[in-house]
């Protein structure tokens, strides 16, 4: 599952860790979806995004590998191997070939300069670290890990803003890189280089963020978990069951998708299978898919 496109001066490679069912029915994953929406769009939601036989949503866990201005950059690091996730049995004890697949894409762990965690849920930070004997150590020893400051405080079990959930994730996938002095916290906005910028995009979690790519005439936005399924392109008021602030999540989705539509930008969520993302256009107060991203289907 390694695929590459070039946008301006930036190469974008899709490195997959998992593709399959999340064992959630659409009605459970997206309880706010309008009645009949899934059936109305069945012709293009199935089979890549909806297993209609099992009535399960389909998802991908993937990392976006960017090369920009001489730097090797990862956007989100997936689930990771050997992790214990009481809150997410599907992500417990994985044994995937992610690092080998990343090397196939031309990036060994020591080659990575920047790791971006769009937020700190278990399926976005897992490969921040790897198991060395009985210790969790940074997987990417030469990288700076860019973490939204609000996320760091939200999920730190020793912090005043932590109220449970996401068990073990901070301890095994954030603390080791912070202890190693490799974490840079940021808030509101952070310029990575002339092509790439990080912006706060709250709602899914308080510190969720997006990565905007602007290079030459090309535009893209890596939106993390701002959306989990392309139904949310055409029904942007539909939140997932995992969004913490429902109103804020809807407002953020409309804002970011509006910018993408107005700027002919690819929208690349963290969890879309199929071709990984799409260009969209405005359709009244909603959006329509203009064309899918130029990645091969998975």
C-alpha atoms as a PDB file:
ATOM      1  CA  UNK A   1       0.000   0.000   0.000  1.00  0.00           C
ATOM      2  CA  UNK A   2       2.655   2.519  -1.069  1.00  0.00           C
ATOM      3  CA  UNK A   3       1.556   5.160  -3.577  1.00  0.00           C
ATOM      4  CA  UNK A   4       3.016   8.555  -4.532  1.00  0.00           C
ATOM      5  CA  UNK A   5       1.892  11.788  -6.190  1.00  0.00           C
ATOM      6  CA  UNK A   6       3.641  15.154  -6.596  1.00  0.00           C
ATOM      7  CA  UNK A   7       2.001  18.450  -5.679  1.00  0.00           C
ATOM      8  CA  UNK A   8       4.118  21.431  -6.648  1.00  0.00           C
ATOM      9  CA  UNK A   9       7.509  20.894  -5.014  1.00  0.00           C
ATOM     10  CA  UNK A  10       6.179  18.341  -2.514  1.00  0.00           C
ATOM     11  CA  UNK A  11       5.945  14.596  -3.005  1.00  0.00           C
ATOM     12  CA  UNK A  12       3.150  12.823  -1.142  1.00  0.00           C
ATOM     13  CA  UNK A  13       3.398   9.092  -0.514  1.00  0.00           C
ATOM     14  CA  UNK A  14       0.598   7.051   1.031  1.00  0.00           C
ATOM     15  CA  UNK A  15       1.880   4.352   3.374  1.00  0.00           C
ATOM     16  CA  UNK A  16      -0.843   2.065   4.676  1.00  0.00           C
ATOM     17  CA  UNK A  17      -0.881   0.168   7.944  1.00  0.00           C
ATOM     18  CA  UNK A  18      -4.424  -1.273   7.969  1.00  0.00           C
ATOM     19  CA  UNK A  19      -7.476  -1.443   5.761  1.00  0.00           C
ATOM     20  CA  UNK A  20     -10.693  -3.172   6.707  1.00  0.00           C
ATOM     21  CA  UNK A  21     -13.762  -3.089   8.893  1.00  0.00           C
ATOM     22  CA  UNK A  22     -13.926  -1.145  12.144  1.00  0.00           C
ATOM     23  CA  UNK A  23     -16.837  -3.384  13.201  1.00  0.00           C
ATOM     24  CA  UNK A  24     -19.167  -0.412  13.526  1.00  0.00           C
ATOM     25  CA  UNK A  25     -22.397  -0.027  11.595  1.00  0.00           C
ATOM     26  CA  UNK A  26     -22.881   3.327   9.857  1.00  0.00           C
ATOM     27  CA  UNK A  27     -25.691   4.170  12.282  1.00  0.00           C
ATOM     28  CA  UNK A  28     -23.327   3.668  15.237  1.00  0.00           C
ATOM     29  CA  UNK A  29     -20.279   5.375  13.719  1.00  0.00           C
ATOM     30  CA  UNK A  30     -22.287   8.338  12.371  1.00  0.00           C
ATOM     31  CA  UNK A  31     -25.438   8.623  14.491  1.00  0.00           C
ATOM     32  CA  UNK A  32     -26.233  12.091  13.122  1.00  0.00           C
ATOM     33  CA  UNK A  33     -26.394  11.045   9.466  1.00  0.00           C
ATOM     34  CA  UNK A  34     -29.711  11.992   7.857  1.00  0.00           C
ATOM     35  CA  UNK A  35     -32.193   9.195   7.393  1.00  0.00           C
ATOM     36  CA  UNK A  36     -31.578   7.428   4.098  1.00  0.00           C
ATOM     37  CA  UNK A  37     -28.209   9.101   3.427  1.00  0.00           C
ATOM     38  CA  UNK A  38     -26.249   5.861   3.281  1.00  0.00           C
ATOM     39  CA  UNK A  39     -28.661   4.222   0.884  1.00  0.00           C
ATOM     40  CA  UNK A  40     -28.862   7.385  -1.241  1.00  0.00           C
ATOM     41  CA  UNK A  41     -25.075   7.251  -1.778  1.00  0.00           C
ATOM     42  CA  UNK A  42     -24.599   3.488  -1.724  1.00  0.00           C
ATOM     43  CA  UNK A  43     -23.427   3.375  -5.352  1.00  0.00           C
ATOM     44  CA  UNK A  44     -20.128   5.067  -4.498  1.00  0.00           C
ATOM     45  CA  UNK A  45     -19.782   4.389  -0.774  1.00  0.00           C
ATOM     46  CA  UNK A  46     -19.727   0.624  -1.346  1.00  0.00           C
ATOM     47  CA  UNK A  47     -17.481  -1.282  -1.255  1.00  0.00           C
ATOM     48  CA  UNK A  48     -14.530   1.001  -0.400  1.00  0.00           C
ATOM     49  CA  UNK A  49     -16.166   2.817   2.500  1.00  0.00           C
ATOM     50  CA  UNK A  50     -19.122   0.624   3.415  1.00  0.00           C
ATOM     51  CA  UNK A  51     -19.320  -3.169   3.544  1.00  0.00           C
ATOM     52  CA  UNK A  52     -23.019  -3.519   2.828  1.00  0.00           C
ATOM     53  CA  UNK A  53     -23.080  -7.276   3.473  1.00  0.00           C
ATOM     54  CA  UNK A  54     -21.819  -6.905   7.045  1.00  0.00           C
ATOM     55  CA  UNK A  55     -23.215  -3.351   7.354  1.00  0.00           C
ATOM     56  CA  UNK A  56     -19.839  -2.162   8.645  1.00  0.00           C
ATOM     57  CA  UNK A  57     -17.899   0.989   7.873  1.00  0.00           C
ATOM     58  CA  UNK A  58     -14.550   0.394   6.198  1.00  0.00           C
ATOM     59  CA  UNK A  59     -11.478   2.356   7.227  1.00  0.00           C
ATOM     60  CA  UNK A  60      -7.818   2.798   6.445  1.00  0.00           C
ATOM     61  CA  UNK A  61      -5.024   3.607   8.859  1.00  0.00           C
ATOM     62  CA  UNK A  62      -2.292   5.315   6.914  1.00  0.00           C
ATOM     63  CA  UNK A  63       0.605   7.720   7.171  1.00  0.00           C
ATOM     64  CA  UNK A  64       1.266  10.491   4.699  1.00  0.00           C
ATOM     65  CA  UNK A  65       4.977  10.679   3.867  1.00  0.00           C
ATOM     66  CA  UNK A  66       5.926  14.138   2.582  1.00  0.00           C
ATOM     67  CA  UNK A  67       9.177  15.364   1.128  1.00  0.00           C
ATOM     68  CA  UNK A  68       9.433  19.132   1.157  1.00  0.00           C
ATOM     69  CA  UNK A  69      12.429  21.469   1.009  1.00  0.00           C
ATOM     70  CA  UNK A  70      14.812  18.591   1.709  1.00  0.00           C
ATOM     71  CA  UNK A  71      12.924  17.335   4.760  1.00  0.00           C
ATOM     72  CA  UNK A  72      11.253  13.977   5.229  1.00  0.00           C
ATOM     73  CA  UNK A  73       7.973  14.449   7.077  1.00  0.00           C
ATOM     74  CA  UNK A  74       5.351  12.032   8.409  1.00  0.00           C
ATOM     75  CA  UNK A  75       1.743  13.099   8.969  1.00  0.00           C
ATOM     76  CA  UNK A  76       0.398  10.781  11.701  1.00  0.00           C
ATOM     77  CA  UNK A  77       2.006   7.480  12.639  1.00  0.00           C
ATOM     78  CA  UNK A  78      -0.850   5.004  12.861  1.00  0.00           C
ATOM     79  CA  UNK A  79      -1.429   2.349  15.491  1.00  0.00           C
ATOM     80  CA  UNK A  80       2.007   0.799  15.999  1.00  0.00           C
ATOM     81  CA  UNK A  81       3.034  -2.705  16.950  1.00  0.00           C
ATOM     82  CA  UNK A  82       2.795  -4.385  20.367  1.00  0.00           C
ATOM     83  CA  UNK A  83       0.539  -1.682  21.840  1.00  0.00           C
ATOM     84  CA  UNK A  84      -2.003  -2.540  24.536  1.00  0.00           C
ATOM     85  CA  UNK A  85      -5.253  -0.654  23.909  1.00  0.00           C
ATOM     86  CA  UNK A  86      -8.022  -1.584  26.381  1.00  0.00           C
ATOM     87  CA  UNK A  87     -10.272   1.059  24.822  1.00  0.00           C
ATOM     88  CA  UNK A  88      -9.637  -0.229  21.276  1.00  0.00           C
ATOM     89  CA  UNK A  89      -9.325  -4.023  21.033  1.00  0.00           C
ATOM     90  CA  UNK A  90      -8.939  -3.789  17.248  1.00  0.00           C
ATOM     91  CA  UNK A  91      -5.658  -1.917  17.746  1.00  0.00           C
ATOM     92  CA  UNK A  92      -4.249  -4.187  20.465  1.00  0.00           C
ATOM     93  CA  UNK A  93      -1.145  -6.251  19.756  1.00  0.00           C
ATOM     94  CA  UNK A  94      -0.744  -5.499  16.056  1.00  0.00           C
ATOM     95  CA  UNK A  95       2.169  -7.016  14.123  1.00  0.00           C
ATOM     96  CA  UNK A  96       2.308  -5.097  10.849  1.00  0.00           C
ATOM     97  CA  UNK A  97       5.039  -4.456   8.283  1.00  0.00           C
ATOM     98  CA  UNK A  98       4.674  -0.678   8.548  1.00  0.00           C
ATOM     99  CA  UNK A  99       8.368   0.113   8.990  1.00  0.00           C
ATOM    100  CA  UNK A 100       9.285  -2.170   6.110  1.00  0.00           C
ATOM    101  CA  UNK A 101       6.632  -0.484   3.960  1.00  0.00           C
ATOM    102  CA  UNK A 102       7.953   2.926   4.975  1.00  0.00           C
ATOM    103  CA  UNK A 103      11.446   1.799   3.945  1.00  0.00           C
ATOM    104  CA  UNK A 104      10.037   0.639   0.603  1.00  0.00           C
ATOM    105  CA  UNK A 105       8.772   4.189   0.185  1.00  0.00           C
ATOM    106  CA  UNK A 106      12.366   5.332   0.735  1.00  0.00           C
ATOM    107  CA  UNK A 107      12.251   6.466   4.354  1.00  0.00           C
ATOM    108  CA  UNK A 108      14.138   4.602   7.065  1.00  0.00           C
ATOM    109  CA  UNK A 109      13.416   5.661  10.662  1.00  0.00           C
ATOM    110  CA  UNK A 110      16.669   7.602  10.884  1.00  0.00           C
ATOM    111  CA  UNK A 111      15.788   9.546   7.709  1.00  0.00           C
ATOM    112  CA  UNK A 112      12.670  11.171   9.180  1.00  0.00           C
ATOM    113  CA  UNK A 113      13.124  14.843  10.113  1.00  0.00           C
ATOM    114  CA  UNK A 114       9.625  15.778  11.304  1.00  0.00           C
ATOM    115  CA  UNK A 115       6.705  13.783  12.710  1.00  0.00           C
ATOM    116  CA  UNK A 116       3.323  15.524  12.802  1.00  0.00           C
ATOM    117  CA  UNK A 117       0.649  14.159  15.114  1.00  0.00           C
ATOM    118  CA  UNK A 118      -2.590  15.824  14.019  1.00  0.00           C
ATOM    119  CA  UNK A 119      -4.006  14.761  17.392  1.00  0.00           C
ATOM    120  CA  UNK A 120      -3.149  12.163  20.039  1.00  0.00           C
ATOM    121  CA  UNK A 121      -5.673   9.367  19.562  1.00  0.00           C
ATOM    122  CA  UNK A 122      -4.245   5.846  19.551  1.00  0.00           C
ATOM    123  CA  UNK A 123      -4.382   5.389  15.772  1.00  0.00           C
ATOM    124  CA  UNK A 124      -2.380   8.563  15.067  1.00  0.00           C
ATOM    125  CA  UNK A 125       0.632   8.213  17.360  1.00  0.00           C
ATOM    126  CA  UNK A 126       1.406   4.494  17.603  1.00  0.00           C
ATOM    127  CA  UNK A 127       4.592   4.450  15.563  1.00  0.00           C
ATOM    128  CA  UNK A 128       5.938   7.440  17.476  1.00  0.00           C
ATOM    129  CA  UNK A 129       7.649   4.719  19.483  1.00  0.00           C
ATOM    130  CA  UNK A 130       8.761   1.113  19.146  1.00  0.00           C
ATOM    131  CA  UNK A 131       9.413  -1.572  21.708  1.00  0.00           C
ATOM    132  CA  UNK A 132      13.086  -2.088  22.553  1.00  0.00           C
ATOM    133  CA  UNK A 133      13.173  -4.995  24.986  1.00  0.00           C
ATOM    134  CA  UNK A 134      10.726  -3.799  27.615  1.00  0.00           C
ATOM    135  CA  UNK A 135      11.139  -0.078  26.919  1.00  0.00           C
ATOM    136  CA  UNK A 136       9.330   2.227  24.534  1.00  0.00           C
ATOM    137  CA  UNK A 137      11.824   4.317  22.578  1.00  0.00           C
ATOM    138  CA  UNK A 138      11.383   6.906  19.790  1.00  0.00           C
ATOM    139  CA  UNK A 139      11.023   5.155  16.442  1.00  0.00           C
ATOM    140  CA  UNK A 140      12.427   8.163  14.597  1.00  0.00           C
ATOM    141  CA  UNK A 141      15.566   9.130  16.532  1.00  0.00           C
ATOM    142  CA  UNK A 142      16.414  12.248  14.521  1.00  0.00           C
ATOM    143  CA  UNK A 143      12.923  13.685  14.204  1.00  0.00           C
ATOM    144  CA  UNK A 144      11.195  16.621  15.828  1.00  0.00           C
ATOM    145  CA  UNK A 145       7.676  15.567  16.867  1.00  0.00           C
ATOM    146  CA  UNK A 146       5.185  18.402  16.342  1.00  0.00           C
ATOM    147  CA  UNK A 147       2.283  18.005  18.777  1.00  0.00           C
ATOM    148  CA  UNK A 148      -0.559  20.479  19.383  1.00  0.00           C
ATOM    149  CA  UNK A 149      -0.114  21.914  22.855  1.00  0.00           C
ATOM    150  CA  UNK A 150      -3.824  21.522  23.617  1.00  0.00           C
ATOM    151  CA  UNK A 151      -3.665  17.831  22.744  1.00  0.00           C
ATOM    152  CA  UNK A 152      -0.639  17.320  24.953  1.00  0.00           C
ATOM    153  CA  UNK A 153      -2.481  18.743  27.939  1.00  0.00           C
ATOM    154  CA  UNK A 154      -5.808  17.083  27.067  1.00  0.00           C
ATOM    155  CA  UNK A 155      -4.368  13.559  27.100  1.00  0.00           C
ATOM    156  CA  UNK A 156      -1.636  13.822  29.726  1.00  0.00           C
ATOM    157  CA  UNK A 157      -2.883  11.595  32.598  1.00  0.00           C
ATOM    158  CA  UNK A 158      -0.970  13.782  35.034  1.00  0.00           C
ATOM    159  CA  UNK A 159      -2.508  17.004  33.723  1.00  0.00           C
ATOM    160  CA  UNK A 160      -5.524  18.917  34.994  1.00  0.00           C
ATOM    161  CA  UNK A 161      -7.430  18.583  31.688  1.00  0.00           C
ATOM    162  CA  UNK A 162      -7.355  14.787  31.467  1.00  0.00           C
ATOM    163  CA  UNK A 163     -10.725  13.160  32.130  1.00  0.00           C
ATOM    164  CA  UNK A 164     -10.066   9.580  31.093  1.00  0.00           C
ATOM    165  CA  UNK A 165      -9.967   7.542  27.901  1.00  0.00           C
ATOM    166  CA  UNK A 166      -7.227   6.833  25.373  1.00  0.00           C
ATOM    167  CA  UNK A 167      -5.689   4.470  27.935  1.00  0.00           C
ATOM    168  CA  UNK A 168      -1.933   3.803  27.744  1.00  0.00           C
ATOM    169  CA  UNK A 169      -1.480   6.006  24.669  1.00  0.00           C
ATOM    170  CA  UNK A 170       0.237   8.973  26.297  1.00  0.00           C
ATOM    171  CA  UNK A 171       2.464   6.732  28.386  1.00  0.00           C
ATOM    172  CA  UNK A 172       3.772   4.527  25.579  1.00  0.00           C
ATOM    173  CA  UNK A 173       3.601   6.818  22.537  1.00  0.00           C
ATOM    174  CA  UNK A 174       4.048  10.394  23.772  1.00  0.00           C
ATOM    175  CA  UNK A 175       5.992  10.399  27.031  1.00  0.00           C
ATOM    176  CA  UNK A 176       9.036   8.558  25.577  1.00  0.00           C
ATOM    177  CA  UNK A 177       9.556  11.113  22.791  1.00  0.00           C
ATOM    178  CA  UNK A 178       8.896  14.002  25.172  1.00  0.00           C
ATOM    179  CA  UNK A 179      11.399  12.575  27.646  1.00  0.00           C
ATOM    180  CA  UNK A 180      13.927  12.298  24.803  1.00  0.00           C
ATOM    181  CA  UNK A 181      13.587  16.033  24.136  1.00  0.00           C
ATOM    182  CA  UNK A 182      12.144  15.499  20.656  1.00  0.00           C
ATOM    183  CA  UNK A 183       8.712  17.136  21.139  1.00  0.00           C
ATOM    184  CA  UNK A 184       7.870  20.666  20.025  1.00  0.00           C
ATOM    185  CA  UNK A 185       4.492  21.914  21.216  1.00  0.00           C
ATOM    186  CA  UNK A 186       2.637  24.511  19.165  1.00  0.00           C
ATOM    187  CA  UNK A 187      -0.704  26.324  19.293  1.00  0.00           C
ATOM    188  CA  UNK A 188      -3.056  28.010  16.806  1.00  0.00           C
ATOM    189  CA  UNK A 189      -0.698  27.871  13.809  1.00  0.00           C
ATOM    190  CA  UNK A 190       2.803  26.703  12.983  1.00  0.00           C
ATOM    191  CA  UNK A 191       4.735  27.250   9.753  1.00  0.00           C
ATOM    192  CA  UNK A 192       6.771  24.139   8.850  1.00  0.00           C
ATOM    193  CA  UNK A 193       8.337  25.482   5.653  1.00  0.00           C
ATOM    194  CA  UNK A 194       7.318  27.534   2.612  1.00  0.00           C
ATOM    195  CA  UNK A 195       5.008  24.719   1.436  1.00  0.00           C
ATOM    196  CA  UNK A 196       3.447  23.406   4.651  1.00  0.00           C
ATOM    197  CA  UNK A 197       1.532  24.917   7.567  1.00  0.00           C
ATOM    198  CA  UNK A 198      -0.183  23.484  10.636  1.00  0.00           C
ATOM    199  CA  UNK A 199      -3.426  25.002  11.911  1.00  0.00           C
ATOM    200  CA  UNK A 200      -5.636  24.199  14.854  1.00  0.00           C
ATOM    201  CA  UNK A 201      -8.914  22.586  13.733  1.00  0.00           C
ATOM    202  CA  UNK A 202     -10.759  21.688  16.951  1.00  0.00           C
ATOM    203  CA  UNK A 203     -13.930  19.708  17.420  1.00  0.00           C
ATOM    204  CA  UNK A 204     -12.963  16.077  17.032  1.00  0.00           C
ATOM    205  CA  UNK A 205     -10.644  16.768  19.963  1.00  0.00           C
ATOM    206  CA  UNK A 206      -9.717  20.150  21.504  1.00  0.00           C
ATOM    207  CA  UNK A 207      -6.317  20.220  19.805  1.00  0.00           C
ATOM    208  CA  UNK A 208      -7.038  18.501  16.508  1.00  0.00           C
ATOM    209  CA  UNK A 209      -5.162  20.070  13.616  1.00  0.00           C
ATOM    210  CA  UNK A 210      -4.829  20.063   9.842  1.00  0.00           C
ATOM    211  CA  UNK A 211      -1.798  20.334   7.568  1.00  0.00           C
ATOM    212  CA  UNK A 212      -2.181  22.683   4.606  1.00  0.00           C
ATOM    213  CA  UNK A 213       0.017  22.235   1.528  1.00  0.00           C
ATOM    214  CA  UNK A 214       0.395  25.156  -0.871  1.00  0.00           C
ATOM    215  CA  UNK A 215       3.092  24.739  -3.510  1.00  0.00           C
ATOM    216  CA  UNK A 216       3.029  26.320  -6.949  1.00  0.00           C
ATOM    217  CA  UNK A 217      -0.534  26.026  -8.179  1.00  0.00           C
ATOM    218  CA  UNK A 218      -1.270  22.889  -6.156  1.00  0.00           C
ATOM    219  CA  UNK A 219      -3.198  22.737  -2.913  1.00  0.00           C
ATOM    220  CA  UNK A 220      -4.014  19.971  -0.436  1.00  0.00           C
ATOM    221  CA  UNK A 221      -5.145  19.688   3.150  1.00  0.00           C
ATOM    222  CA  UNK A 222      -4.470  16.700   5.394  1.00  0.00           C
ATOM    223  CA  UNK A 223      -7.408  16.763   7.773  1.00  0.00           C
ATOM    224  CA  UNK A 224      -6.725  13.925  10.214  1.00  0.00           C
ATOM    225  CA  UNK A 225     -10.003  12.894  11.854  1.00  0.00           C
ATOM    226  CA  UNK A 226     -11.974  15.986  10.872  1.00  0.00           C
ATOM    227  CA  UNK A 227     -13.796  13.398   8.781  1.00  0.00           C
ATOM    228  CA  UNK A 228     -13.735   9.593   8.728  1.00  0.00           C
ATOM    229  CA  UNK A 229     -15.884   8.785   5.717  1.00  0.00           C
ATOM    230  CA  UNK A 230     -16.632  10.524   2.394  1.00  0.00           C
ATOM    231  CA  UNK A 231     -20.314  10.649   3.310  1.00  0.00           C
ATOM    232  CA  UNK A 232     -19.194  13.697   5.311  1.00  0.00           C
ATOM    233  CA  UNK A 233     -18.315  15.520   2.076  1.00  0.00           C
ATOM    234  CA  UNK A 234     -21.934  15.473   1.000  1.00  0.00           C
ATOM    235  CA  UNK A 235     -23.355  15.632   4.552  1.00  0.00           C
ATOM    236  CA  UNK A 236     -20.837  17.931   6.314  1.00  0.00           C
ATOM    237  CA  UNK A 237     -23.038  18.379   9.400  1.00  0.00           C
ATOM    238  CA  UNK A 238     -22.623  14.674  10.161  1.00  0.00           C
ATOM    239  CA  UNK A 239     -20.173  14.029  12.992  1.00  0.00           C
ATOM    240  CA  UNK A 240     -18.673  10.721  13.980  1.00  0.00           C
ATOM    241  CA  UNK A 241     -19.425   9.231  17.371  1.00  0.00           C
ATOM    242  CA  UNK A 242     -15.860  10.141  18.392  1.00  0.00           C
ATOM    243  CA  UNK A 243     -16.183  13.924  18.055  1.00  0.00           C
ATOM    244  CA  UNK A 244     -15.855  15.566  21.472  1.00  0.00           C
ATOM    245  CA  UNK A 245     -17.429  18.940  20.662  1.00  0.00           C
ATOM    246  CA  UNK A 246     -20.248  18.360  18.195  1.00  0.00           C
ATOM    247  CA  UNK A 247     -20.915  21.991  17.261  1.00  0.00           C
ATOM    248  CA  UNK A 248     -17.251  22.858  16.932  1.00  0.00           C
ATOM    249  CA  UNK A 249     -16.586  19.765  14.809  1.00  0.00           C
ATOM    250  CA  UNK A 250     -19.315  20.779  12.366  1.00  0.00           C
ATOM    251  CA  UNK A 251     -18.055  24.374  12.160  1.00  0.00           C
ATOM    252  CA  UNK A 252     -14.485  23.241  11.562  1.00  0.00           C
ATOM    253  CA  UNK A 253     -15.571  20.797   8.852  1.00  0.00           C
ATOM    254  CA  UNK A 254     -17.515  23.483   6.986  1.00  0.00           C
ATOM    255  CA  UNK A 255     -14.620  25.947   7.260  1.00  0.00           C
ATOM    256  CA  UNK A 256     -11.918  23.578   6.035  1.00  0.00           C
ATOM    257  CA  UNK A 257     -14.030  21.987   3.296  1.00  0.00           C
ATOM    258  CA  UNK A 258     -15.094  25.451   2.150  1.00  0.00           C
ATOM    259  CA  UNK A 259     -11.461  26.500   1.797  1.00  0.00           C
ATOM    260  CA  UNK A 260     -10.685  23.288  -0.084  1.00  0.00           C
ATOM    261  CA  UNK A 261     -13.580  23.782  -2.496  1.00  0.00           C
ATOM    262  CA  UNK A 262     -12.637  27.408  -3.151  1.00  0.00           C
ATOM    263  CA  UNK A 263      -8.975  26.555  -3.755  1.00  0.00           C
ATOM    264  CA  UNK A 264      -9.244  23.309  -5.761  1.00  0.00           C
ATOM    265  CA  UNK A 265      -7.467  21.523  -2.932  1.00  0.00           C
ATOM    266  CA  UNK A 266      -7.256  17.797  -2.400  1.00  0.00           C
ATOM    267  CA  UNK A 267      -8.808  16.783   0.915  1.00  0.00           C
ATOM    268  CA  UNK A 268      -6.842  13.891   2.413  1.00  0.00           C
ATOM    269  CA  UNK A 269      -8.299  12.449   5.642  1.00  0.00           C
ATOM    270  CA  UNK A 270      -6.395   9.974   7.773  1.00  0.00           C
ATOM    271  CA  UNK A 271      -8.802   7.079   7.361  1.00  0.00           C
ATOM    272  CA  UNK A 272     -10.197   7.003   3.836  1.00  0.00           C
ATOM    273  CA  UNK A 273      -9.645   3.824   1.888  1.00  0.00           C
ATOM    274  CA  UNK A 274     -10.368   3.791  -1.827  1.00  0.00           C
ATOM    275  CA  UNK A 275      -8.309   6.527  -3.460  1.00  0.00           C
ATOM    276  CA  UNK A 276      -7.593   8.240  -0.155  1.00  0.00           C
ATOM    277  CA  UNK A 277      -9.275  11.585  -0.679  1.00  0.00           C
ATOM    278  CA  UNK A 278     -10.978  13.873  -3.151  1.00  0.00           C
ATOM    279  CA  UNK A 279     -11.339  17.287  -4.707  1.00  0.00           C
ATOM    280  CA  UNK A 280     -14.696  18.831  -3.870  1.00  0.00           C
ATOM    281  CA  UNK A 281     -16.964  21.641  -5.014  1.00  0.00           C
ATOM    282  CA  UNK A 282     -19.639  23.595  -3.198  1.00  0.00           C
ATOM    283  CA  UNK A 283     -23.184  22.296  -3.504  1.00  0.00           C
ATOM    284  CA  UNK A 284     -25.406  24.795  -1.744  1.00  0.00           C
ATOM    285  CA  UNK A 285     -24.598  24.509   1.952  1.00  0.00           C
ATOM    286  CA  UNK A 286     -22.965  21.148   1.355  1.00  0.00           C
ATOM    287  CA  UNK A 287     -20.248  19.793  -0.932  1.00  0.00           C
ATOM    288  CA  UNK A 288     -19.993  17.371  -3.826  1.00  0.00           C
ATOM    289  CA  UNK A 289     -17.112  15.211  -4.970  1.00  0.00           C
ATOM    290  CA  UNK A 290     -15.530  16.635  -8.117  1.00  0.00           C
ATOM    291  CA  UNK A 291     -12.997  13.838  -8.513  1.00  0.00           C
ATOM    292  CA  UNK A 292     -11.180  11.326  -6.370  1.00  0.00           C
ATOM    293  CA  UNK A 293      -7.515  11.764  -5.450  1.00  0.00           C
ATOM    294  CA  UNK A 294      -5.064  10.310  -8.003  1.00  0.00           C
ATOM    295  CA  UNK A 295      -3.921   7.486  -5.723  1.00  0.00           C
ATOM    296  CA  UNK A 296      -4.548   3.873  -6.677  1.00  0.00           C
ATOM    297  CA  UNK A 297      -7.429   2.267  -4.800  1.00  0.00           C
ATOM    298  CA  UNK A 298      -6.678   0.099  -1.811  1.00  0.00           C
END
